[in-house]
Every structure is written in C-alpha cells, then in structure tokens.
N, C-alpha and C. Protein backbone atom coordinates (compact mmCIF):
# COMPACT_ATOMS: atom_id res chain seq x y z
N UNK A 1 0.74 -1.27 -0.04
CA UNK A 1 -0.08 -0.06 0.09
C UNK A 1 1.00 0.98 0.06
N UNK A 2 1.45 1.10 0.80
CA UNK A 2 2.52 2.90 1.06
C UNK A 2 3.68 2.56 -0.33
N UNK A 3 3.63 1.42 -1.22
CA UNK A 3 5.07 1.92 -2.04
C UNK A 3 3.75 1.86 -3.44
N UNK A 4 2.68 2.40 -3.35
CA UNK A 4 1.91 2.96 -4.35
C UNK A 4 2.15 4.54 -4.14
N UNK A 5 2.28 4.59 -3.01
CA UNK A 5 2.29 5.92 -2.68
C UNK A 5 3.37 6.78 -3.54
N UNK A 6 4.60 6.25 -3.09
CA UNK A 6 5.72 7.10 -3.60
C UNK A 6 6.48 8.51 -2.35
N UNK A 7 7.53 8.51 -2.58
CA UNK A 7 8.32 9.05 -2.11
C UNK A 7 7.67 10.83 -2.18
N UNK A 8 7.38 11.39 -3.39
CA UNK A 8 6.53 12.67 -3.77
C UNK A 8 5.45 12.38 -2.58
N UNK A 9 4.82 11.12 -3.06
CA UNK A 9 3.19 11.94 -2.55
C UNK A 9 3.24 12.01 -0.91
N UNK A 10 4.07 11.08 -0.14
CA UNK A 10 4.34 11.02 1.43
C UNK A 10 5.14 12.40 1.69
N UNK A 11 5.98 12.86 1.25
CA UNK A 11 6.57 14.36 1.34
C UNK A 11 5.35 14.89 1.40
N UNK A 12 4.43 15.17 0.43
CA UNK A 12 3.04 16.19 0.57
C UNK A 12 2.16 15.95 1.94
N UNK A 13 1.89 14.73 1.63
CA UNK A 13 1.36 14.02 2.73
C UNK A 13 1.85 14.61 4.08
N UNK A 14 3.31 14.52 4.31
CA UNK A 14 3.65 14.77 5.87
C UNK A 14 3.96 16.65 5.92
N UNK A 15 4.17 17.33 4.54
CA UNK A 15 3.99 19.02 4.91
C UNK A 15 2.23 19.09 4.77
N UNK A 16 2.12 18.16 4.27
CA UNK A 16 0.27 19.17 4.59
C UNK A 16 -0.32 18.61 6.32
N UNK A 17 0.38 17.81 6.62
CA UNK A 17 -0.18 17.40 7.52
C UNK A 17 0.68 18.22 8.77
N UNK A 18 1.70 18.68 8.43
CA UNK A 18 2.59 19.68 9.48
C UNK A 18 2.02 20.54 9.23
N UNK A 19 1.52 21.85 8.40
CA UNK A 19 0.73 22.93 8.31
C UNK A 19 -0.31 22.36 8.68
N UNK A 20 -1.57 21.91 8.34
CA UNK A 20 -2.53 21.85 9.07
C UNK A 20 -2.75 21.51 10.58
N UNK A 21 -1.51 20.74 11.14
CA UNK A 21 -1.71 20.38 12.55
C UNK A 21 -1.03 21.85 13.48
N UNK A 22 0.17 21.43 13.20
CA UNK A 22 1.49 22.33 13.06
C UNK A 22 2.80 21.64 13.85
N UNK A 23 3.47 21.47 14.27
CA UNK A 23 4.71 21.50 14.52
C UNK A 23 4.54 20.95 16.19
N UNK A 24 3.87 21.35 16.59
CA UNK A 24 3.83 20.52 17.95
C UNK A 24 2.57 19.47 18.50
N UNK A 25 1.21 19.76 17.60
CA UNK A 25 0.30 18.86 17.92
C UNK A 25 0.61 17.70 17.04
N UNK A 26 1.20 17.53 16.03
CA UNK A 26 1.90 16.33 15.09
C UNK A 26 2.40 15.53 16.34
N UNK A 27 3.20 15.56 16.80
CA UNK A 27 3.59 14.00 17.27
C UNK A 27 2.69 13.39 18.28
N UNK A 28 2.31 14.40 18.98
CA UNK A 28 0.27 13.74 20.14
C UNK A 28 -0.03 13.11 18.84
N UNK A 29 -0.18 13.33 17.44
CA UNK A 29 -1.32 12.65 17.07
C UNK A 29 -0.76 11.41 16.14
N UNK A 30 0.77 11.25 16.02
CA UNK A 30 1.30 10.50 16.00
C UNK A 30 1.39 9.23 16.80
N UNK A 31 1.45 9.84 18.54
CA UNK A 31 1.57 8.67 19.09
C UNK A 31 0.03 8.04 19.23
N UNK A 32 -1.12 9.13 18.93
CA UNK A 32 -2.22 8.51 19.05
C UNK A 32 -2.38 7.25 17.77
N UNK A 33 -2.64 7.66 17.04
CA UNK A 33 -2.06 6.37 15.23
C UNK A 33 -1.28 5.27 16.18
N UNK A 34 -0.39 5.58 16.89
CA UNK A 34 0.13 4.16 17.32
C UNK A 34 -0.49 3.54 18.27
N UNK A 35 -0.68 4.38 19.20
CA UNK A 35 -1.41 3.29 20.24
C UNK A 35 -2.96 2.34 19.45
N UNK A 36 -3.43 3.41 18.68
CA UNK A 36 -4.65 2.94 18.00
C UNK A 36 -4.28 1.57 17.03
N UNK A 37 -3.35 1.65 16.57
CA UNK A 37 -2.66 0.79 15.51
C UNK A 37 -2.51 -0.74 16.44
N UNK A 38 -1.95 -0.14 17.64
CA UNK A 38 -1.66 -1.43 18.83
C UNK A 38 -2.21 -2.46 19.81
N UNK A 39 -3.40 -1.37 19.81
CA UNK A 39 -4.44 -2.29 20.28
C UNK A 39 -5.34 -2.85 19.09
N UNK A 40 -5.48 -1.77 17.84
CA UNK A 40 -5.87 -2.95 17.08
C UNK A 40 -5.38 -4.24 16.97
N UNK A 41 -4.35 -4.21 16.66
CA UNK A 41 -3.24 -5.92 16.60
C UNK A 41 -3.14 -6.53 17.71
N UNK A 42 -3.52 -5.69 18.99
CA UNK A 42 -3.74 -6.86 19.76
C UNK A 42 -5.25 -7.40 20.27
N UNK A 43 -6.19 -6.95 19.46
CA UNK A 43 -7.01 -7.29 19.44
C UNK A 43 -7.29 -8.53 18.44
N UNK A 44 -7.05 -7.95 17.64
CA UNK A 44 -7.22 -8.99 16.62
C UNK A 44 -6.77 -10.51 16.43
N UNK A 45 -5.35 -10.29 17.65
CA UNK A 45 -4.48 -11.60 18.29
C UNK A 45 -5.25 -11.74 19.10
N UNK A 46 -6.06 -11.55 19.90
CA UNK A 46 -6.83 -12.19 20.99
C UNK A 46 -8.11 -12.74 20.38
N UNK A 47 -8.63 -12.43 19.34
CA UNK A 47 -9.65 -12.62 18.38
C UNK A 47 -9.17 -14.07 17.32
N UNK A 48 -8.33 -14.03 16.98
CA UNK A 48 -7.39 -15.11 16.36
C UNK A 48 -7.46 -16.18 17.41
N UNK A 49 -6.73 -15.98 18.78
CA UNK A 49 -6.64 -17.11 19.60
C UNK A 49 -7.34 -17.54 20.65
N UNK A 50 -8.81 -16.53 20.33
CA UNK A 50 -10.06 -17.28 21.16
C UNK A 50 -10.59 -18.30 19.96
N UNK A 51 -10.44 -18.29 18.64
CA UNK A 51 -11.81 -18.72 17.81
C UNK A 51 -10.23 -20.20 17.74
N UNK A 52 -9.11 -20.24 17.88
CA UNK A 52 -8.07 -21.55 17.77
C UNK A 52 -8.76 -22.36 18.40
N UNK A 53 -8.88 -21.44 20.15
CA UNK A 53 -9.07 -22.21 21.31
C UNK A 53 -10.10 -23.25 21.28
N UNK A 54 -11.15 -22.07 20.46
CA UNK A 54 -12.73 -23.07 20.33
C UNK A 54 -12.84 -24.58 19.59
N UNK A 55 -12.27 -24.04 18.43
CA UNK A 55 -11.55 -25.51 17.69
C UNK A 55 -10.98 -26.37 18.18
N UNK A 56 -9.87 -26.31 19.07
CA UNK A 56 -9.19 -27.55 20.30
C UNK A 56 -10.02 -27.74 20.63
N UNK A 57 -11.12 -26.91 21.45
CA UNK A 57 -11.99 -27.54 22.76
C UNK A 57 -13.15 -28.18 21.89
N UNK A 58 -13.37 -28.30 20.51
CA UNK A 58 -14.56 -29.09 19.83
C UNK A 58 -14.05 -30.60 19.58
C-alpha cells in the first residue's frame, strides 16, 4: 500500500499535515495513531487465539 504512494506523495502528505496541525500537535497525533494500531493488533490477536481455542475444544 505504502509503496504505491511513492516518496514525493509521502512528503506532500507529511507537509500538508504539518501545515494543518502544526509542529507541536503532530507528535501527539502520531502517538495516538500508534497506540490505536497497537490496540487493534492486540484485539485481532485475541480474536484469532480465541477462535483457535474454540476449535481445539470441540
């Protein structure tokens, strides 16, 4: 997915985000996005482990 954007597109997106949110707010947004992704991965891992446990218990 990220490879289809390319370096110039990524720089443009980051520049626009910097202009819109400012340099002080951008790290907070990145941290929140990282924590959200981490929670999503943990939830997905829990769901897959729950379904595999159900299969072994049957």
